[in-house]
């Protein structure tokens, strides 16, 4: 019973650490999403990526740009 509590506590602590690192490492804006366009068995896939940027001159407005990203 004591071992189960130790394992469960370790898993919860690890999940909190991973979530914290993920939240801190996220950019303010950046990649909004992506769609795979070509599957590659070895290496990363080709995709279309949509990036979002806040407009520095107009508050509350964001600009979105789509671009192709090769997996090479």
N, C-alpha and C. Protein backbone atom coordinates (compact mmCIF):
# COMPACT_ATOMS: atom_id res chain seq x y z
N UNK A 1 0.82 -1.19 0.00
CA UNK A 1 0.00 0.00 0.00
C UNK A 1 0.87 1.26 0.00
N UNK A 2 1.93 1.21 0.77
CA UNK A 2 2.81 2.36 0.86
C UNK A 2 3.53 2.58 -0.47
N UNK A 3 3.88 1.49 -1.14
CA UNK A 3 4.58 1.59 -2.43
C UNK A 3 3.67 2.21 -3.49
N UNK A 4 2.39 1.86 -3.48
CA UNK A 4 1.43 2.42 -4.42
C UNK A 4 1.32 3.94 -4.24
N UNK A 5 1.28 4.39 -3.01
CA UNK A 5 1.24 5.84 -2.73
C UNK A 5 2.49 6.54 -3.22
N UNK A 6 3.65 5.91 -3.06
CA UNK A 6 4.90 6.49 -3.53
C UNK A 6 4.92 6.60 -5.05
N UNK A 7 4.48 5.55 -5.73
CA UNK A 7 4.44 5.56 -7.19
C UNK A 7 3.45 6.62 -7.69
N UNK A 8 2.27 6.67 -7.10
CA UNK A 8 1.26 7.64 -7.49
C UNK A 8 1.75 9.07 -7.24
N UNK A 9 2.38 9.31 -6.12
CA UNK A 9 2.93 10.65 -5.83
C UNK A 9 4.01 11.04 -6.82
N UNK A 10 4.86 10.10 -7.21
CA UNK A 10 5.91 10.36 -8.18
C UNK A 10 5.32 10.69 -9.54
N UNK A 11 4.30 9.97 -9.96
CA UNK A 11 3.66 10.23 -11.25
C UNK A 11 3.01 11.61 -11.26
N UNK A 12 2.33 11.98 -10.20
CA UNK A 12 1.69 13.29 -10.12
C UNK A 12 2.74 14.40 -10.13
N UNK A 13 3.82 14.24 -9.37
CA UNK A 13 4.87 15.25 -9.34
C UNK A 13 5.52 15.39 -10.72
N UNK A 14 5.75 14.29 -11.41
CA UNK A 14 6.33 14.34 -12.74
C UNK A 14 5.39 15.04 -13.72
N UNK A 15 4.10 14.78 -13.63
CA UNK A 15 3.12 15.43 -14.50
C UNK A 15 3.09 16.94 -14.26
N UNK A 16 3.18 17.35 -13.01
CA UNK A 16 3.20 18.79 -12.69
C UNK A 16 4.45 19.45 -13.26
N UNK A 17 5.59 18.80 -13.14
CA UNK A 17 6.84 19.35 -13.67
C UNK A 17 6.77 19.46 -15.19
N UNK A 18 6.28 18.45 -15.87
CA UNK A 18 6.18 18.47 -17.33
C UNK A 18 5.22 19.56 -17.78
N UNK A 19 4.08 19.69 -17.12
CA UNK A 19 3.10 20.72 -17.47
C UNK A 19 3.69 22.12 -17.25
N UNK A 20 4.42 22.31 -16.17
CA UNK A 20 5.03 23.61 -15.89
C UNK A 20 6.07 23.97 -16.95
N UNK A 21 6.91 23.03 -17.32
CA UNK A 21 7.92 23.28 -18.36
C UNK A 21 7.25 23.59 -19.68
N UNK A 22 6.17 22.88 -20.01
CA UNK A 22 5.46 23.12 -21.27
C UNK A 22 4.85 24.51 -21.29
N UNK A 23 4.25 24.95 -20.20
CA UNK A 23 3.63 26.28 -20.15
C UNK A 23 4.67 27.37 -20.23
N UNK A 24 5.80 27.21 -19.56
CA UNK A 24 6.85 28.23 -19.56
C UNK A 24 7.53 28.31 -20.92
N UNK A 25 7.70 27.19 -21.60
CA UNK A 25 8.45 27.18 -22.86
C UNK A 25 7.63 27.62 -24.06
N UNK A 26 6.30 27.76 -23.92
CA UNK A 26 5.47 28.17 -25.05
C UNK A 26 5.74 29.61 -25.42
N UNK A 27 5.81 29.91 -26.72
CA UNK A 27 5.98 31.30 -27.12
C UNK A 27 4.69 32.09 -26.89
N UNK A 28 4.81 33.42 -26.84
CA UNK A 28 3.65 34.27 -26.65
C UNK A 28 2.62 34.04 -27.74
N UNK A 29 3.05 34.05 -28.94
CA UNK A 29 2.24 33.69 -30.11
C UNK A 29 3.08 32.70 -30.87
N UNK A 30 2.81 32.41 -32.05
CA UNK A 30 3.66 31.49 -32.79
C UNK A 30 2.82 30.54 -33.61
N UNK A 31 3.21 29.31 -33.62
CA UNK A 31 2.53 28.32 -34.44
C UNK A 31 1.12 28.07 -33.90
N UNK A 32 0.13 28.41 -34.73
CA UNK A 32 -1.26 28.21 -34.35
C UNK A 32 -1.69 26.77 -34.63
N UNK A 33 -1.18 26.21 -35.72
CA UNK A 33 -1.53 24.84 -36.06
C UNK A 33 -0.79 24.40 -37.30
N UNK A 34 -0.95 23.13 -37.66
CA UNK A 34 -0.30 22.61 -38.85
C UNK A 34 -1.09 21.43 -39.40
N UNK A 35 -0.91 21.18 -40.70
CA UNK A 35 -1.56 20.08 -41.39
C UNK A 35 -0.51 19.33 -42.18
N UNK A 36 -0.42 18.01 -41.99
CA UNK A 36 0.53 17.20 -42.76
C UNK A 36 0.07 17.12 -44.21
N UNK A 37 1.02 17.28 -45.13
CA UNK A 37 0.69 17.19 -46.56
C UNK A 37 1.39 16.02 -47.24
N UNK A 38 2.50 15.56 -46.69
CA UNK A 38 3.22 14.44 -47.29
C UNK A 38 3.82 13.59 -46.17
N UNK A 39 3.48 12.32 -46.15
CA UNK A 39 4.01 11.41 -45.15
C UNK A 39 5.38 10.89 -45.60
N UNK A 40 6.31 10.87 -44.67
CA UNK A 40 7.62 10.29 -44.91
C UNK A 40 7.86 9.23 -43.85
N UNK A 41 8.26 8.04 -44.31
CA UNK A 41 8.50 6.96 -43.37
C UNK A 41 9.71 7.26 -42.48
N UNK A 42 10.76 7.78 -43.08
CA UNK A 42 11.96 8.16 -42.33
C UNK A 42 12.09 9.67 -42.34
N UNK A 43 12.06 10.27 -41.20
CA UNK A 43 12.20 11.72 -41.10
C UNK A 43 10.86 12.41 -40.91
N UNK A 44 10.92 13.72 -40.66
CA UNK A 44 9.69 14.49 -40.43
C UNK A 44 8.85 14.66 -41.70
N UNK A 45 7.54 14.79 -41.54
CA UNK A 45 6.62 14.98 -42.65
C UNK A 45 6.68 16.41 -43.19
N UNK A 46 6.24 16.59 -44.45
CA UNK A 46 6.02 17.93 -44.98
C UNK A 46 4.68 18.41 -44.43
N UNK A 47 4.55 19.71 -44.21
CA UNK A 47 3.31 20.23 -43.65
C UNK A 47 3.10 21.69 -44.02
N UNK A 48 1.89 22.15 -43.83
CA UNK A 48 1.55 23.56 -43.93
C UNK A 48 1.35 24.05 -42.50
N UNK A 49 2.07 25.11 -42.14
CA UNK A 49 2.04 25.64 -40.78
C UNK A 49 1.39 27.02 -40.79
N UNK A 50 0.53 27.28 -39.82
CA UNK A 50 -0.10 28.59 -39.67
C UNK A 50 0.49 29.24 -38.42
N UNK A 51 1.09 30.43 -38.61
CA UNK A 51 1.68 31.18 -37.50
C UNK A 51 0.83 32.41 -37.22
N UNK A 52 0.72 32.79 -35.96
CA UNK A 52 -0.03 33.98 -35.57
C UNK A 52 0.87 34.97 -34.85
N UNK A 53 0.68 36.25 -35.15
CA UNK A 53 1.48 37.30 -34.53
C UNK A 53 0.55 38.43 -34.09
N UNK A 54 0.78 38.98 -32.91
CA UNK A 54 0.02 40.13 -32.46
C UNK A 54 0.50 41.37 -33.19
N UNK A 55 -0.44 42.20 -33.63
CA UNK A 55 -0.10 43.45 -34.32
C UNK A 55 0.42 44.44 -33.27
N UNK A 56 1.65 44.95 -33.45
CA UNK A 56 2.21 45.85 -32.44
C UNK A 56 1.52 47.23 -32.41
N UNK A 57 0.88 47.64 -33.51
CA UNK A 57 0.28 48.98 -33.57
C UNK A 57 -1.20 48.99 -33.20
N UNK A 58 -1.90 47.88 -33.45
CA UNK A 58 -3.34 47.82 -33.18
C UNK A 58 -3.59 46.78 -32.10
N UNK A 59 -4.12 47.21 -30.98
CA UNK A 59 -4.35 46.31 -29.86
C UNK A 59 -5.54 45.38 -30.16
N UNK A 60 -5.37 44.10 -29.85
CA UNK A 60 -6.43 43.12 -30.03
C UNK A 60 -6.52 42.54 -31.43
N UNK A 61 -5.56 42.86 -32.30
CA UNK A 61 -5.57 42.34 -33.67
C UNK A 61 -4.38 41.41 -33.86
N UNK A 62 -4.63 40.28 -34.50
CA UNK A 62 -3.56 39.31 -34.77
C UNK A 62 -3.48 39.07 -36.27
N UNK A 63 -2.27 38.86 -36.75
CA UNK A 63 -2.03 38.54 -38.15
C UNK A 63 -1.68 37.05 -38.23
N UNK A 64 -2.21 36.36 -39.23
CA UNK A 64 -1.93 34.93 -39.42
C UNK A 64 -1.31 34.72 -40.79
N UNK A 65 -0.25 33.93 -40.83
CA UNK A 65 0.47 33.64 -42.06
C UNK A 65 0.58 32.12 -42.19
N UNK A 66 0.28 31.61 -43.38
CA UNK A 66 0.47 30.17 -43.62
C UNK A 66 1.71 29.99 -44.49
N UNK A 67 2.44 28.91 -44.22
CA UNK A 67 3.68 28.64 -44.98
C UNK A 67 3.90 27.15 -45.08
N UNK A 68 4.61 26.77 -46.13
CA UNK A 68 4.98 25.36 -46.31
C UNK A 68 6.25 25.08 -45.53
N UNK A 69 6.31 23.93 -44.91
CA UNK A 69 7.51 23.52 -44.17
C UNK A 69 7.88 22.10 -44.60
N UNK A 70 9.04 21.96 -45.21
CA UNK A 70 9.47 20.64 -45.64
C UNK A 70 10.10 19.91 -44.47
N UNK A 71 10.00 18.62 -44.49
CA UNK A 71 10.51 17.82 -43.39
C UNK A 71 11.99 17.56 -43.44
N UNK A 72 12.66 17.99 -44.47
CA UNK A 72 14.08 17.73 -44.64
C UNK A 72 14.83 18.23 -43.49
